[in-house]
Amino acid sequence: MNKPLHLFFTEDHHRIEKLLNKALEQPDKIEMSYYHQFRSQLLRHIKMEEKILFPAAKKANPEVTKDLIPRYRLDHGALTSLMVPPPTLPLINVIKYILEEHDLAEEEPGGLYDVCEALTQGQTQDILNQLAETEEVPVHPPNPAPIAIESARRALARAGYDFDEVMRIANE
């Protein structure tokens, strides 16, 4: 089956992952120019799902999406909150852990992308056009204030993650 939306978003995941990997190429050092690109592109990806994909799927069948989309919105909130504090290698490992879990749930057979693809048949080209026109999200410099990491902890908890447990697992 041809799944252009699934392919679009999966390829975007890989593109964003490559930016993060470039930021981490040097041992024990974060290349901030690549990390900034990673942040910006991850937030753009989330924007595309939140502002284009989810509304199209919800409009097509609100009943199917009412229990599905909130889970992903909580993950998006958690990931967005992790973009606020200054990056550290342990924090980036947490980001990578959450992204792997989240992306797998979106990409797996029967996952979010398959459901949205099925719901929005007939709108695919219009959706792809909107996605291509999506502008980047303005990104502020990382915020070193303690409230930034505390907000991230709370956002992860709302999404069902224990920050300390994820930090331990991700940094083993």
N, C-alpha and C. Protein backbone atom coordinates (compact mmCIF):
# COMPACT_ATOMS: atom_id res chain seq x y z
N MET A 1 0.84 -1.18 0.00
CA MET A 1 0.00 0.00 0.00
C MET A 1 0.88 1.24 0.00
N ASN A 2 0.55 2.21 -0.82
CA ASN A 2 1.27 3.46 -0.87
C ASN A 2 0.83 4.32 0.32
N LYS A 3 1.79 4.76 1.12
CA LYS A 3 1.49 5.55 2.31
C LYS A 3 2.33 6.82 2.31
N PRO A 4 1.96 7.81 1.51
CA PRO A 4 2.81 9.00 1.40
C PRO A 4 2.94 9.80 2.69
N LEU A 5 1.89 9.88 3.50
CA LEU A 5 2.01 10.63 4.75
C LEU A 5 2.92 9.90 5.73
N HIS A 6 2.73 8.60 5.82
CA HIS A 6 3.58 7.77 6.68
C HIS A 6 5.04 7.96 6.26
N LEU A 7 5.30 7.88 4.98
CA LEU A 7 6.66 8.03 4.46
C LEU A 7 7.20 9.43 4.75
N PHE A 8 6.41 10.45 4.54
CA PHE A 8 6.84 11.82 4.79
C PHE A 8 7.30 11.99 6.24
N PHE A 9 6.46 11.57 7.18
CA PHE A 9 6.79 11.76 8.58
C PHE A 9 7.94 10.87 9.04
N THR A 10 8.00 9.65 8.54
CA THR A 10 9.10 8.75 8.90
C THR A 10 10.43 9.29 8.39
N GLU A 11 10.44 9.77 7.15
CA GLU A 11 11.67 10.37 6.62
C GLU A 11 12.06 11.61 7.41
N ASP A 12 11.08 12.37 7.86
CA ASP A 12 11.37 13.54 8.68
C ASP A 12 11.98 13.12 10.01
N HIS A 13 11.48 12.04 10.60
CA HIS A 13 12.09 11.51 11.83
C HIS A 13 13.57 11.23 11.60
N HIS A 14 13.88 10.55 10.50
CA HIS A 14 15.27 10.19 10.21
C HIS A 14 16.14 11.43 9.98
N ARG A 15 15.59 12.42 9.29
CA ARG A 15 16.32 13.67 9.04
C ARG A 15 16.64 14.38 10.36
N ILE A 16 15.67 14.42 11.26
CA ILE A 16 15.86 15.08 12.55
C ILE A 16 16.86 14.29 13.40
N GLU A 17 16.76 12.98 13.37
CA GLU A 17 17.69 12.12 14.11
C GLU A 17 19.13 12.34 13.63
N LYS A 18 19.31 12.51 12.33
CA LYS A 18 20.65 12.76 11.79
C LYS A 18 21.22 14.07 12.32
N LEU A 19 20.38 15.08 12.45
CA LEU A 19 20.86 16.35 13.02
C LEU A 19 21.34 16.17 14.45
N LEU A 20 20.59 15.41 15.23
CA LEU A 20 21.01 15.16 16.61
C LEU A 20 22.31 14.36 16.64
N ASN A 21 22.41 13.36 15.78
CA ASN A 21 23.64 12.57 15.72
C ASN A 21 24.84 13.43 15.32
N LYS A 22 24.63 14.39 14.41
CA LYS A 22 25.72 15.30 14.02
C LYS A 22 26.13 16.16 15.22
N ALA A 23 25.16 16.55 16.03
CA ALA A 23 25.47 17.35 17.21
C ALA A 23 26.31 16.57 18.21
N LEU A 24 26.26 15.26 18.13
CA LEU A 24 26.94 14.40 19.11
C LEU A 24 28.15 13.66 18.53
N GLU A 25 28.62 14.05 17.37
CA GLU A 25 29.71 13.33 16.72
C GLU A 25 31.01 13.34 17.52
N GLN A 26 31.28 14.44 18.18
CA GLN A 26 32.51 14.52 18.97
C GLN A 26 32.24 14.01 20.38
N PRO A 27 33.06 13.09 20.86
CA PRO A 27 32.83 12.55 22.22
C PRO A 27 32.84 13.66 23.27
N ASP A 28 31.89 13.59 24.16
CA ASP A 28 31.81 14.50 25.30
C ASP A 28 31.65 15.97 24.92
N LYS A 29 31.14 16.23 23.70
CA LYS A 29 30.92 17.61 23.29
C LYS A 29 29.67 17.68 22.44
N ILE A 30 28.89 18.71 22.66
CA ILE A 30 27.68 18.94 21.87
C ILE A 30 27.98 20.06 20.88
N GLU A 31 27.83 19.78 19.60
CA GLU A 31 28.01 20.80 18.57
C GLU A 31 26.71 21.61 18.52
N MET A 32 26.75 22.81 19.08
CA MET A 32 25.53 23.58 19.29
C MET A 32 24.84 24.02 18.00
N SER A 33 25.57 24.23 16.92
CA SER A 33 24.90 24.62 15.68
C SER A 33 23.99 23.50 15.19
N TYR A 34 24.44 22.26 15.28
CA TYR A 34 23.60 21.14 14.88
C TYR A 34 22.48 20.91 15.89
N TYR A 35 22.79 21.10 17.17
CA TYR A 35 21.74 20.93 18.18
C TYR A 35 20.63 21.96 17.98
N HIS A 36 21.00 23.19 17.65
CA HIS A 36 19.99 24.22 17.38
C HIS A 36 19.12 23.80 16.19
N GLN A 37 19.74 23.28 15.13
CA GLN A 37 18.96 22.80 13.98
C GLN A 37 18.04 21.66 14.39
N PHE A 38 18.54 20.75 15.22
CA PHE A 38 17.73 19.65 15.73
C PHE A 38 16.51 20.19 16.48
N ARG A 39 16.72 21.12 17.40
CA ARG A 39 15.62 21.70 18.17
C ARG A 39 14.58 22.32 17.24
N SER A 40 15.05 23.14 16.34
CA SER A 40 14.17 23.85 15.43
C SER A 40 13.37 22.88 14.56
N GLN A 41 14.03 21.86 14.04
CA GLN A 41 13.35 20.92 13.15
C GLN A 41 12.42 19.97 13.92
N LEU A 42 12.78 19.61 15.13
CA LEU A 42 11.87 18.78 15.94
C LEU A 42 10.60 19.56 16.25
N LEU A 43 10.74 20.81 16.61
CA LEU A 43 9.56 21.63 16.91
C LEU A 43 8.71 21.86 15.66
N ARG A 44 9.34 21.99 14.51
CA ARG A 44 8.59 22.11 13.25
C ARG A 44 7.82 20.82 12.98
N HIS A 45 8.45 19.69 13.21
CA HIS A 45 7.80 18.39 13.00
C HIS A 45 6.57 18.27 13.91
N ILE A 46 6.73 18.63 15.18
CA ILE A 46 5.61 18.59 16.11
C ILE A 46 4.51 19.53 15.63
N LYS A 47 4.88 20.70 15.18
CA LYS A 47 3.90 21.66 14.66
C LYS A 47 3.12 21.06 13.49
N MET A 48 3.81 20.36 12.58
CA MET A 48 3.13 19.76 11.43
C MET A 48 2.10 18.73 11.88
N GLU A 49 2.45 17.94 12.88
CA GLU A 49 1.49 16.95 13.37
C GLU A 49 0.33 17.63 14.08
N GLU A 50 0.63 18.57 14.95
CA GLU A 50 -0.40 19.22 15.77
C GLU A 50 -1.33 20.11 14.96
N LYS A 51 -0.79 20.85 14.01
CA LYS A 51 -1.58 21.86 13.29
C LYS A 51 -2.16 21.36 11.97
N ILE A 52 -1.62 20.27 11.41
CA ILE A 52 -2.08 19.80 10.11
C ILE A 52 -2.61 18.37 10.17
N LEU A 53 -1.77 17.44 10.60
CA LEU A 53 -2.16 16.02 10.57
C LEU A 53 -3.30 15.72 11.55
N PHE A 54 -3.15 16.11 12.80
CA PHE A 54 -4.17 15.80 13.80
C PHE A 54 -5.53 16.42 13.46
N PRO A 55 -5.58 17.71 13.10
CA PRO A 55 -6.89 18.27 12.75
C PRO A 55 -7.54 17.57 11.55
N ALA A 56 -6.75 17.19 10.55
CA ALA A 56 -7.32 16.50 9.39
C ALA A 56 -7.88 15.14 9.79
N ALA A 57 -7.16 14.41 10.60
CA ALA A 57 -7.63 13.10 11.05
C ALA A 57 -8.86 13.25 11.95
N LYS A 58 -8.82 14.23 12.83
CA LYS A 58 -9.95 14.46 13.75
C LYS A 58 -11.20 14.84 12.97
N LYS A 59 -11.05 15.69 11.97
CA LYS A 59 -12.19 16.10 11.15
C LYS A 59 -12.77 14.90 10.41
N ALA A 60 -11.91 14.00 9.94
CA ALA A 60 -12.37 12.83 9.20
C ALA A 60 -13.14 11.87 10.09
N ASN A 61 -12.69 11.70 11.34
CA ASN A 61 -13.38 10.78 12.25
C ASN A 61 -13.02 11.11 13.69
N PRO A 62 -13.77 11.99 14.32
CA PRO A 62 -13.47 12.40 15.69
C PRO A 62 -13.51 11.24 16.68
N GLU A 63 -14.36 10.26 16.44
CA GLU A 63 -14.49 9.13 17.36
C GLU A 63 -13.20 8.30 17.41
N VAL A 64 -12.61 8.05 16.26
CA VAL A 64 -11.38 7.24 16.20
C VAL A 64 -10.21 7.97 16.85
N THR A 65 -10.16 9.28 16.68
CA THR A 65 -8.99 10.03 17.15
C THR A 65 -9.10 10.51 18.60
N LYS A 66 -10.28 10.45 19.21
CA LYS A 66 -10.45 11.05 20.54
C LYS A 66 -9.59 10.38 21.62
N ASP A 67 -9.32 9.11 21.50
CA ASP A 67 -8.46 8.44 22.48
C ASP A 67 -7.02 8.31 21.99
N LEU A 68 -6.80 8.50 20.71
CA LEU A 68 -5.48 8.32 20.12
C LEU A 68 -4.61 9.57 20.23
N ILE A 69 -5.13 10.68 19.79
CA ILE A 69 -4.33 11.90 19.68
C ILE A 69 -3.85 12.45 21.03
N PRO A 70 -4.65 12.41 22.10
CA PRO A 70 -4.16 12.97 23.36
C PRO A 70 -2.85 12.35 23.85
N ARG A 71 -2.66 11.07 23.63
CA ARG A 71 -1.40 10.42 24.04
C ARG A 71 -0.20 11.08 23.36
N TYR A 72 -0.34 11.34 22.06
CA TYR A 72 0.76 11.93 21.31
C TYR A 72 0.94 13.40 21.67
N ARG A 73 -0.12 14.06 22.02
CA ARG A 73 0.00 15.46 22.44
C ARG A 73 0.77 15.57 23.76
N LEU A 74 0.57 14.62 24.65
CA LEU A 74 1.33 14.62 25.90
C LEU A 74 2.82 14.40 25.63
N ASP A 75 3.13 13.48 24.72
CA ASP A 75 4.53 13.27 24.33
C ASP A 75 5.11 14.53 23.70
N HIS A 76 4.32 15.18 22.84
CA HIS A 76 4.80 16.42 22.21
C HIS A 76 5.11 17.48 23.27
N GLY A 77 4.25 17.58 24.28
CA GLY A 77 4.51 18.52 25.36
C GLY A 77 5.79 18.18 26.11
N ALA A 78 6.00 16.90 26.35
CA ALA A 78 7.22 16.46 27.04
C ALA A 78 8.45 16.78 26.20
N LEU A 79 8.40 16.45 24.93
CA LEU A 79 9.55 16.71 24.05
C LEU A 79 9.81 18.21 23.92
N THR A 80 8.76 18.98 23.79
CA THR A 80 8.92 20.43 23.68
C THR A 80 9.56 20.99 24.94
N SER A 81 9.14 20.50 26.10
CA SER A 81 9.71 20.98 27.36
C SER A 81 11.19 20.63 27.49
N LEU A 82 11.59 19.52 26.88
CA LEU A 82 13.00 19.11 26.93
C LEU A 82 13.88 19.96 26.01
N MET A 83 13.26 20.75 25.15
CA MET A 83 14.01 21.65 24.27
C MET A 83 14.36 22.97 24.95
N VAL A 84 13.83 23.20 26.15
CA VAL A 84 14.02 24.48 26.83
C VAL A 84 15.33 24.56 27.60
N PRO A 85 15.68 23.59 28.45
CA PRO A 85 16.93 23.71 29.21
C PRO A 85 18.15 23.60 28.29
N PRO A 86 19.28 24.11 28.74
CA PRO A 86 20.50 23.92 27.96
C PRO A 86 20.80 22.42 27.84
N PRO A 87 21.27 22.01 26.68
CA PRO A 87 21.52 20.58 26.50
C PRO A 87 22.76 20.12 27.27
N THR A 88 22.63 18.95 27.84
CA THR A 88 23.76 18.24 28.42
C THR A 88 23.71 16.85 27.83
N LEU A 89 24.79 16.13 27.89
CA LEU A 89 24.77 14.77 27.33
C LEU A 89 23.74 13.89 28.04
N PRO A 90 23.63 13.93 29.37
CA PRO A 90 22.57 13.13 30.00
C PRO A 90 21.16 13.54 29.57
N LEU A 91 20.91 14.85 29.43
CA LEU A 91 19.60 15.32 29.01
C LEU A 91 19.31 14.88 27.56
N ILE A 92 20.31 14.94 26.71
CA ILE A 92 20.12 14.50 25.33
C ILE A 92 19.80 13.01 25.29
N ASN A 93 20.38 12.23 26.17
CA ASN A 93 20.04 10.80 26.23
C ASN A 93 18.58 10.60 26.61
N VAL A 94 18.06 11.45 27.48
CA VAL A 94 16.64 11.40 27.83
C VAL A 94 15.80 11.75 26.59
N ILE A 95 16.19 12.80 25.89
CA ILE A 95 15.48 13.20 24.67
C ILE A 95 15.47 12.04 23.67
N LYS A 96 16.61 11.43 23.47
CA LYS A 96 16.70 10.31 22.52
C LYS A 96 15.80 9.16 22.94
N TYR A 97 15.76 8.87 24.22
CA TYR A 97 14.91 7.78 24.74
C TYR A 97 13.43 8.07 24.45
N ILE A 98 12.99 9.27 24.79
CA ILE A 98 11.58 9.64 24.57
C ILE A 98 11.27 9.62 23.07
N LEU A 99 12.16 10.17 22.26
CA LEU A 99 11.95 10.19 20.81
C LEU A 99 11.83 8.78 20.23
N GLU A 100 12.70 7.87 20.68
CA GLU A 100 12.64 6.49 20.17
C GLU A 100 11.30 5.85 20.49
N GLU A 101 10.83 6.01 21.71
CA GLU A 101 9.54 5.45 22.12
C GLU A 101 8.41 6.08 21.31
N HIS A 102 8.45 7.38 21.21
CA HIS A 102 7.40 8.15 20.53
C HIS A 102 7.37 7.83 19.03
N ASP A 103 8.53 7.88 18.39
CA ASP A 103 8.59 7.64 16.95
C ASP A 103 8.16 6.22 16.60
N LEU A 104 8.55 5.26 17.41
CA LEU A 104 8.14 3.87 17.17
C LEU A 104 6.62 3.75 17.22
N ALA A 105 6.00 4.37 18.19
CA ALA A 105 4.53 4.30 18.32
C ALA A 105 3.84 4.97 17.13
N GLU A 106 4.45 5.98 16.59
CA GLU A 106 3.86 6.64 15.42
C GLU A 106 4.04 5.80 14.16
N GLU A 107 5.21 5.18 14.01
CA GLU A 107 5.59 4.51 12.77
C GLU A 107 5.16 3.05 12.68
N GLU A 108 4.96 2.38 13.80
CA GLU A 108 4.70 0.94 13.76
C GLU A 108 3.41 0.64 13.01
N PRO A 109 3.31 -0.59 12.47
CA PRO A 109 2.06 -0.98 11.78
C PRO A 109 0.86 -0.80 12.71
N GLY A 110 -0.15 -0.11 12.22
CA GLY A 110 -1.32 0.18 13.03
C GLY A 110 -1.15 1.37 13.95
N GLY A 111 0.02 2.01 13.87
CA GLY A 111 0.31 3.16 14.72
C GLY A 111 -0.34 4.43 14.22
N LEU A 112 0.03 5.53 14.83
CA LEU A 112 -0.58 6.82 14.53
C LEU A 112 -0.59 7.14 13.05
N TYR A 113 0.54 6.96 12.38
CA TYR A 113 0.60 7.34 10.97
C TYR A 113 -0.30 6.48 10.10
N ASP A 114 -0.38 5.20 10.38
CA ASP A 114 -1.28 4.33 9.62
C ASP A 114 -2.74 4.75 9.83
N VAL A 115 -3.10 5.05 11.05
CA VAL A 115 -4.48 5.47 11.35
C VAL A 115 -4.79 6.78 10.64
N CYS A 116 -3.91 7.75 10.77
CA CYS A 116 -4.15 9.05 10.14
C CYS A 116 -4.17 8.93 8.62
N GLU A 117 -3.31 8.11 8.07
CA GLU A 117 -3.28 7.89 6.63
C GLU A 117 -4.62 7.35 6.14
N ALA A 118 -5.13 6.38 6.86
CA ALA A 118 -6.42 5.77 6.47
C ALA A 118 -7.57 6.77 6.60
N LEU A 119 -7.54 7.57 7.64
CA LEU A 119 -8.62 8.53 7.87
C LEU A 119 -8.63 9.67 6.86
N THR A 120 -7.48 10.03 6.35
CA THR A 120 -7.40 11.22 5.50
C THR A 120 -7.23 10.90 4.02
N GLN A 121 -7.54 9.68 3.63
CA GLN A 121 -7.47 9.35 2.20
C GLN A 121 -8.31 10.35 1.42
N GLY A 122 -7.82 10.73 0.28
CA GLY A 122 -8.51 11.73 -0.52
C GLY A 122 -8.04 13.14 -0.23
N GLN A 123 -7.36 13.33 0.89
CA GLN A 123 -6.82 14.65 1.26
C GLN A 123 -5.30 14.65 1.23
N THR A 124 -4.71 13.54 0.84
CA THR A 124 -3.27 13.36 0.98
C THR A 124 -2.46 14.47 0.33
N GLN A 125 -2.74 14.79 -0.92
CA GLN A 125 -1.93 15.81 -1.60
C GLN A 125 -2.10 17.17 -0.95
N ASP A 126 -3.30 17.51 -0.53
CA ASP A 126 -3.52 18.78 0.15
C ASP A 126 -2.72 18.83 1.46
N ILE A 127 -2.74 17.73 2.20
CA ILE A 127 -1.99 17.66 3.46
C ILE A 127 -0.49 17.77 3.18
N LEU A 128 0.01 17.05 2.20
CA LEU A 128 1.44 17.12 1.86
C LEU A 128 1.83 18.54 1.45
N ASN A 129 0.97 19.22 0.73
CA ASN A 129 1.25 20.61 0.34
C ASN A 129 1.34 21.51 1.58
N GLN A 130 0.42 21.33 2.51
CA GLN A 130 0.45 22.13 3.74
C GLN A 130 1.71 21.83 4.55
N LEU A 131 2.08 20.55 4.62
CA LEU A 131 3.27 20.16 5.37
C LEU A 131 4.52 20.81 4.78
N ALA A 132 4.61 20.82 3.45
CA ALA A 132 5.77 21.40 2.77
C ALA A 132 5.88 22.90 3.04
N GLU A 133 4.77 23.57 3.28
CA GLU A 133 4.76 25.01 3.50
C GLU A 133 4.92 25.40 4.97
N THR A 134 5.00 24.42 5.85
CA THR A 134 5.08 24.70 7.28
C THR A 134 6.38 25.42 7.61
N GLU A 135 6.25 26.55 8.25
CA GLU A 135 7.42 27.33 8.64
C GLU A 135 8.00 26.80 9.95
N GLU A 136 9.27 27.12 10.16
CA GLU A 136 9.92 26.74 11.40
C GLU A 136 9.29 27.49 12.58
N VAL A 137 9.42 26.91 13.74
CA VAL A 137 8.96 27.52 14.98
C VAL A 137 10.10 28.40 15.50
N PRO A 138 9.83 29.66 15.85
CA PRO A 138 10.90 30.49 16.43
C PRO A 138 11.41 29.84 17.72
N VAL A 139 12.70 29.79 17.86
CA VAL A 139 13.30 29.11 19.01
C VAL A 139 14.15 30.10 19.80
N HIS A 140 13.87 30.19 21.08
CA HIS A 140 14.66 31.04 21.97
C HIS A 140 15.93 30.28 22.38
N PRO A 141 16.93 30.99 22.85
CA PRO A 141 18.11 30.30 23.38
C PRO A 141 17.70 29.42 24.57
N PRO A 142 18.45 28.35 24.83
CA PRO A 142 18.13 27.51 25.98
C PRO A 142 18.07 28.34 27.27
N ASN A 143 17.19 27.93 28.16
CA ASN A 143 16.97 28.65 29.41
C ASN A 143 17.61 27.87 30.56
N PRO A 144 18.66 28.43 31.17
CA PRO A 144 19.35 27.70 32.25
C PRO A 144 18.65 27.78 33.61
N ALA A 145 17.56 28.52 33.72
CA ALA A 145 16.87 28.65 35.01
C ALA A 145 16.38 27.29 35.49
N PRO A 146 16.46 27.02 36.78
CA PRO A 146 16.01 25.74 37.33
C PRO A 146 14.55 25.40 36.97
N ILE A 147 13.73 26.42 36.77
CA ILE A 147 12.33 26.18 36.43
C ILE A 147 12.20 25.44 35.10
N ALA A 148 13.16 25.60 34.20
CA ALA A 148 13.09 24.95 32.89
C ALA A 148 13.13 23.43 33.05
N ILE A 149 14.03 22.93 33.84
CA ILE A 149 14.14 21.47 34.01
C ILE A 149 12.98 20.96 34.86
N GLU A 150 12.52 21.77 35.81
CA GLU A 150 11.37 21.36 36.63
C GLU A 150 10.12 21.27 35.77
N SER A 151 9.95 22.20 34.86
CA SER A 151 8.80 22.14 33.94
C SER A 151 8.89 20.90 33.06
N ALA A 152 10.09 20.56 32.63
CA ALA A 152 10.27 19.35 31.82
C ALA A 152 9.91 18.11 32.63
N ARG A 153 10.31 18.07 33.88
CA ARG A 153 9.97 16.93 34.74
C ARG A 153 8.44 16.76 34.82
N ARG A 154 7.74 17.87 35.01
CA ARG A 154 6.27 17.81 35.12
C ARG A 154 5.63 17.39 33.80
N ALA A 155 6.14 17.90 32.69
CA ALA A 155 5.60 17.53 31.37
C ALA A 155 5.83 16.04 31.10
N LEU A 156 6.99 15.53 31.48
CA LEU A 156 7.24 14.10 31.30
C LEU A 156 6.31 13.27 32.18
N ALA A 157 6.08 13.72 33.39
CA ALA A 157 5.16 13.01 34.29
C ALA A 157 3.75 12.96 33.70
N ARG A 158 3.28 14.09 33.14
CA ARG A 158 1.95 14.10 32.51
C ARG A 158 1.88 13.11 31.35
N ALA A 159 3.01 12.92 30.66
CA ALA A 159 3.05 11.99 29.52
C ALA A 159 3.29 10.55 29.96
N GLY A 160 3.41 10.34 31.28
CA GLY A 160 3.57 8.97 31.79
C GLY A 160 5.01 8.52 31.98
N TYR A 161 5.95 9.45 31.94
CA TYR A 161 7.36 9.13 32.13
C TYR A 161 7.83 9.64 33.48
N ASP A 162 8.64 8.86 34.14
CA ASP A 162 9.31 9.29 35.36
C ASP A 162 10.68 9.81 34.94
N PHE A 163 10.90 11.12 35.06
CA PHE A 163 12.13 11.73 34.58
C PHE A 163 13.36 11.03 35.13
N ASP A 164 13.39 10.80 36.45
CA ASP A 164 14.57 10.18 37.07
C ASP A 164 14.80 8.77 36.55
N GLU A 165 13.71 8.02 36.35
CA GLU A 165 13.83 6.65 35.82
C GLU A 165 14.32 6.67 34.38
N VAL A 166 13.76 7.57 33.58
CA VAL A 166 14.21 7.68 32.17
C VAL A 166 15.66 8.12 32.14
N MET A 167 16.04 9.05 33.01
CA MET A 167 17.43 9.52 33.07
C MET A 167 18.36 8.34 33.40
N ARG A 168 17.94 7.50 34.35
CA ARG A 168 18.77 6.36 34.74
C ARG A 168 18.90 5.38 33.58
N ILE A 169 17.77 5.01 32.96
CA ILE A 169 17.77 4.04 31.85
C ILE A 169 18.55 4.58 30.65
N ALA A 170 18.29 5.83 30.30
CA ALA A 170 18.88 6.43 29.11
C ALA A 170 20.39 6.63 29.25
N ASN A 171 20.86 6.72 30.47
CA ASN A 171 22.27 7.01 30.68
C ASN A 171 23.06 5.82 31.23
N GLU A 172 22.50 4.64 31.12
CA GLU A 172 23.22 3.45 31.57
C GLU A 172 24.31 3.08 30.60
